[in-house]
Amino acid sequence: MTIAEPRYAQSIAIRTPEYSDLSAIFRCLRFYNVHVLWGDKQRVDVDFDGEHILTVRNTISHIDLTDKCWVADDGNEILGFCCWDWRDRSKLSAKTILISVTDTGRTRGVGKLLQQRRQDQMREHGARDVHTWSDDPRAVKWYQRTFGYEIVGQEPIRHSLHRFHFDGQGDVWAVHRGFEDQDTLTHLRLVFT
């Protein structure tokens, strides 16, 4: 589906990923400091040196790229990626997992298009609310200003180890590198009306 937004966002398709998008998705995720630890190449990312910190909690996000995931595609390249899952399915509470947009995509409103699409899908699946966490003060303000999220708290920074696969095929493990100057994670919530 092509979303008809202002001119800067025209010709961007928000669609489910295809297997052929895998490399482009991981290139896009690097804009959020997500690095492949193990996958088809079976080696640590060459840019992942000893100077970087890891902040990994005792959970693993299992991301099936065929379910609850979206890419932004302008016909030439993947400009963004996002996914979500259930925080508590029985309470119809959803959570964001990842959103990453290339520098080119940011100037074209891709983040807003992706976030709106995943929120729409959460509503379609019956979610009553959505929770998100961010260690970036600019992103916190963006969630508040653009979508109406409210801050519900702060906690020590944590990031999950991510296991990506495409309908059970091709496990790729990745981790967010963390930020040395950030030690607080802001917890935000949006209640769907």
Protein backbone atom coordinates (compact mmCIF):
# COMPACT_ATOMS: atom_id res chain seq x y z
CA MET A 1 0.00 0.00 0.00
CA THR A 2 1.27 3.48 -0.80
CA ILE A 3 0.29 6.01 1.82
CA ALA A 4 -0.81 9.37 0.45
CA GLU A 5 0.87 11.84 2.77
CA PRO A 6 2.48 15.21 2.13
CA ARG A 7 4.77 15.44 -0.89
CA TYR A 8 7.90 14.51 1.10
CA ALA A 9 6.32 11.14 1.91
CA GLN A 10 4.80 10.38 -1.48
CA SER A 11 5.82 7.21 -3.28
CA ILE A 12 6.80 5.41 -0.10
CA ALA A 13 5.20 2.01 0.28
CA ILE A 14 4.70 0.72 3.81
CA ARG A 15 4.62 -3.05 3.35
CA THR A 16 5.47 -6.33 4.99
CA PRO A 17 9.06 -7.49 4.47
CA GLU A 18 10.07 -10.00 1.84
CA TYR A 19 12.92 -12.48 2.21
CA SER A 20 14.92 -10.48 -0.32
CA ASP A 21 14.75 -7.44 2.04
CA LEU A 22 16.87 -9.03 4.79
CA SER A 23 20.17 -7.33 3.94
CA ALA A 24 18.46 -3.96 3.51
CA ILE A 25 16.66 -4.35 6.86
CA PHE A 26 19.95 -4.97 8.67
CA ARG A 27 21.57 -2.00 6.90
CA CYS A 28 18.66 0.13 8.08
CA LEU A 29 18.91 -1.17 11.66
CA ARG A 30 22.51 0.04 11.85
CA PHE A 31 21.06 3.59 12.02
CA TYR A 32 19.81 2.55 15.48
CA ASN A 33 23.15 0.97 16.43
CA VAL A 34 21.81 -2.58 16.01
CA HIS A 35 24.60 -4.88 14.96
CA VAL A 36 24.58 -8.45 13.76
CA LEU A 37 26.38 -10.79 16.12
CA TRP A 38 25.78 -14.02 14.28
CA GLY A 39 24.01 -14.87 11.08
CA ASP A 40 24.76 -16.06 7.60
CA LYS A 41 28.37 -14.84 7.89
CA GLN A 42 28.74 -16.43 11.35
CA ARG A 43 30.96 -13.68 12.71
CA VAL A 44 30.80 -10.67 14.94
CA ASP A 45 30.14 -7.36 13.18
CA VAL A 46 33.48 -5.81 12.19
CA ASP A 47 32.41 -2.44 13.64
CA PHE A 48 31.63 -3.99 17.01
CA ASP A 49 34.92 -3.43 18.79
CA GLY A 50 35.97 -3.56 22.43
CA GLU A 51 35.26 0.13 23.01
CA HIS A 52 31.50 -0.36 22.83
CA ILE A 53 29.26 -1.26 25.72
CA LEU A 54 26.56 -3.91 25.70
CA THR A 55 23.35 -3.53 27.63
CA VAL A 56 21.44 -6.78 27.43
CA ARG A 57 18.69 -7.88 29.78
CA ASN A 58 17.75 -11.49 30.34
CA THR A 59 15.22 -11.63 27.54
CA ILE A 60 15.39 -12.33 23.86
CA SER A 61 13.10 -10.65 21.34
CA HIS A 62 12.12 -13.24 18.76
CA ILE A 63 11.22 -11.34 15.62
CA ASP A 64 9.53 -13.21 12.80
CA LEU A 65 9.91 -10.81 9.90
CA THR A 66 6.71 -12.22 8.36
CA ASP A 67 4.60 -11.14 11.37
CA LYS A 68 4.01 -7.69 12.90
CA CYS A 69 6.85 -6.11 10.91
CA TRP A 70 6.89 -3.34 8.32
CA VAL A 71 9.37 -1.76 5.92
CA ALA A 72 9.26 1.61 4.17
CA ASP A 73 10.24 1.21 0.52
CA ASP A 74 10.52 4.04 -2.00
CA GLY A 75 11.16 1.65 -4.91
CA ASN A 76 14.92 2.17 -4.76
CA GLU A 77 15.77 1.26 -1.19
CA ILE A 78 14.43 0.32 2.22
CA LEU A 79 14.24 3.58 4.18
CA GLY A 80 12.92 2.20 7.47
CA PHE A 81 11.87 -0.82 9.49
CA CYS A 82 9.65 -1.37 12.52
CA CYS A 83 8.06 -4.21 14.44
CA TRP A 84 5.90 -4.83 17.48
CA ASP A 85 4.61 -7.64 19.67
CA TRP A 86 2.32 -8.26 22.59
CA ARG A 87 3.40 -7.02 25.98
CA ASP A 88 0.53 -8.93 27.60
CA ARG A 89 -1.81 -10.58 25.10
CA SER A 90 -4.46 -11.39 27.73
CA LYS A 91 -4.70 -7.69 28.64
CA LEU A 92 -4.54 -6.60 24.96
CA SER A 93 -1.42 -4.60 25.74
CA ALA A 94 1.08 -4.19 22.88
CA LYS A 95 4.70 -3.05 22.82
CA THR A 96 7.01 -1.60 20.23
CA ILE A 97 10.23 -3.51 19.66
CA LEU A 98 12.27 -1.66 17.06
CA ILE A 99 11.96 1.29 14.74
CA SER A 100 14.88 2.44 12.64
CA VAL A 101 14.96 4.93 9.79
CA THR A 102 17.83 5.84 7.48
CA ASP A 103 19.02 9.45 7.32
CA THR A 104 17.32 9.81 3.93
CA GLY A 105 14.10 8.37 5.34
CA ARG A 106 14.07 10.84 8.23
CA THR A 107 13.84 13.77 5.83
CA ARG A 108 10.85 12.13 4.16
CA GLY A 109 8.69 11.40 7.21
CA VAL A 110 9.28 7.64 7.14
CA GLY A 111 9.29 7.25 10.94
CA LYS A 112 5.81 8.73 11.20
CA LEU A 113 4.50 6.50 8.41
CA LEU A 114 5.94 3.36 9.99
CA GLN A 115 4.76 4.20 13.49
CA GLN A 116 1.25 5.00 12.26
CA ARG A 117 1.06 1.71 10.34
CA ARG A 118 2.17 -0.40 13.27
CA GLN A 119 -0.26 1.41 15.61
CA ASP A 120 -3.04 0.77 13.07
CA GLN A 121 -2.14 -2.94 13.03
CA MET A 122 -2.10 -3.06 16.84
CA ARG A 123 -5.64 -1.61 16.85
CA GLU A 124 -6.71 -4.07 14.14
CA HIS A 125 -5.53 -6.90 16.41
CA GLY A 126 -7.54 -5.49 19.33
CA ALA A 127 -4.80 -3.79 21.36
CA ARG A 128 -6.07 -1.34 23.96
CA ASP A 129 -2.74 0.30 24.64
CA VAL A 130 0.87 0.33 23.48
CA HIS A 131 4.06 0.72 25.47
CA THR A 132 7.39 1.92 24.16
CA TRP A 133 10.79 2.64 25.68
CA SER A 134 13.44 5.06 24.49
CA ASP A 135 16.86 6.23 25.57
CA ASP A 136 16.77 9.14 23.11
CA PRO A 137 15.22 12.37 24.48
CA ARG A 138 14.41 13.49 20.90
CA ALA A 139 12.48 10.27 20.28
CA VAL A 140 10.59 10.68 23.57
CA LYS A 141 9.47 14.16 22.50
CA TRP A 142 8.56 12.84 19.03
CA TYR A 143 6.33 10.09 20.50
CA GLN A 144 4.66 12.64 22.77
CA ARG A 145 4.19 15.41 20.18
CA THR A 146 3.32 13.32 17.15
CA PHE A 147 1.26 10.49 18.65
CA GLY A 148 0.18 11.61 22.13
CA TYR A 149 2.20 9.18 24.24
CA GLU A 150 2.53 9.92 27.95
CA ILE A 151 5.58 9.22 30.07
CA VAL A 152 4.78 6.60 32.70
CA GLY A 153 8.23 6.25 34.23
CA GLN A 154 11.93 5.84 33.88
CA GLU A 155 14.13 2.84 34.56
CA PRO A 156 17.72 1.73 34.10
CA ILE A 157 18.60 1.24 30.48
CA ARG A 158 18.07 -2.26 29.10
CA HIS A 159 18.11 -3.70 25.63
CA SER A 160 17.11 -7.12 24.42
CA LEU A 161 19.12 -9.50 22.38
CA HIS A 162 17.23 -9.87 19.10
CA ARG A 163 16.72 -13.10 17.16
CA PHE A 164 15.46 -12.41 13.65
CA HIS A 165 14.11 -15.07 11.34
CA PHE A 166 11.88 -15.21 8.31
CA ASP A 167 9.07 -17.69 9.00
CA GLY A 168 11.48 -19.94 10.88
CA GLN A 169 14.33 -19.65 8.35
CA GLY A 170 17.75 -18.03 8.59
CA ASP A 171 18.35 -17.10 12.22
CA VAL A 172 20.24 -13.83 12.62
CA TRP A 173 21.24 -12.62 16.09
CA ALA A 174 21.75 -8.92 16.74
CA VAL A 175 22.12 -6.55 19.65
CA HIS A 176 21.82 -2.82 20.25
CA ARG A 177 25.30 -1.51 21.10
CA GLY A 178 24.05 0.84 23.79
CA PHE A 179 25.12 4.41 24.42
CA GLU A 180 27.82 5.30 26.93
CA ASP A 181 26.17 8.63 27.82
CA GLN A 182 22.69 7.19 28.38
CA ASP A 183 21.77 5.25 31.49
CA THR A 184 18.03 5.97 31.68
CA LEU A 185 15.24 4.48 29.64
CA THR A 186 11.96 6.42 29.38
CA HIS A 187 8.80 4.29 29.44
CA LEU A 188 5.90 5.74 27.43
CA ARG A 189 2.32 4.60 26.99
CA LEU A 190 -0.48 5.39 24.55
CA VAL A 191 -4.05 4.35 25.28
CA PHE A 192 -6.10 3.68 22.16
CA THR A 193 -9.50 5.34 22.08
